[in-house]
Amino acid sequence: QLQFVESGGDLVQPGGSLRLSCAASGFTLDYYAVGWFRQAPGKVREGVSCISFSSGPIEYADSVKGRFTIFRDIAQNSVHLEMNSLKPEDTGVYYCAAGAAFSACSRSESGYHTWGQGTQVTVSS
């Protein structure tokens, strides 16, 4: 059974940092494109970042470029999202998702088939 477990969400002050983790079980995550999405209260879910299979091309939303970094941990079968210089507008529930095998990633939700349960990130003073 394909499954994700997300962790790392927390309450943090503006300017702070967090690392979100997405650990997979039941499949080799490195073979798949992985995306991080977030949903702020009252807003539609948006693609924040994604990484292609085997650490290929990476994409970031303009709103997080230069502040967020996505990377794989092969040994842990995980993908992480390092978030720095956090802003209140980064608040939301963050989800990771697995897309197509052996393919480039996309920040569009279509094509992602396995989703984590979400982890809450709150940026507030």
Foldseek 3Di string as FASTA:
>chain_A
DKAWAKDWADEAAQQAKIKIKIFIPPDQQLQWKKWKWWDDPPGDIWTAKIAGHNRPDIDGDPVQPPFWDWDDDRVRSMIMIIGGRDDQVVWGWMKMFTFDGNDGDDGDPPRTDYMHPTGTHGYHD
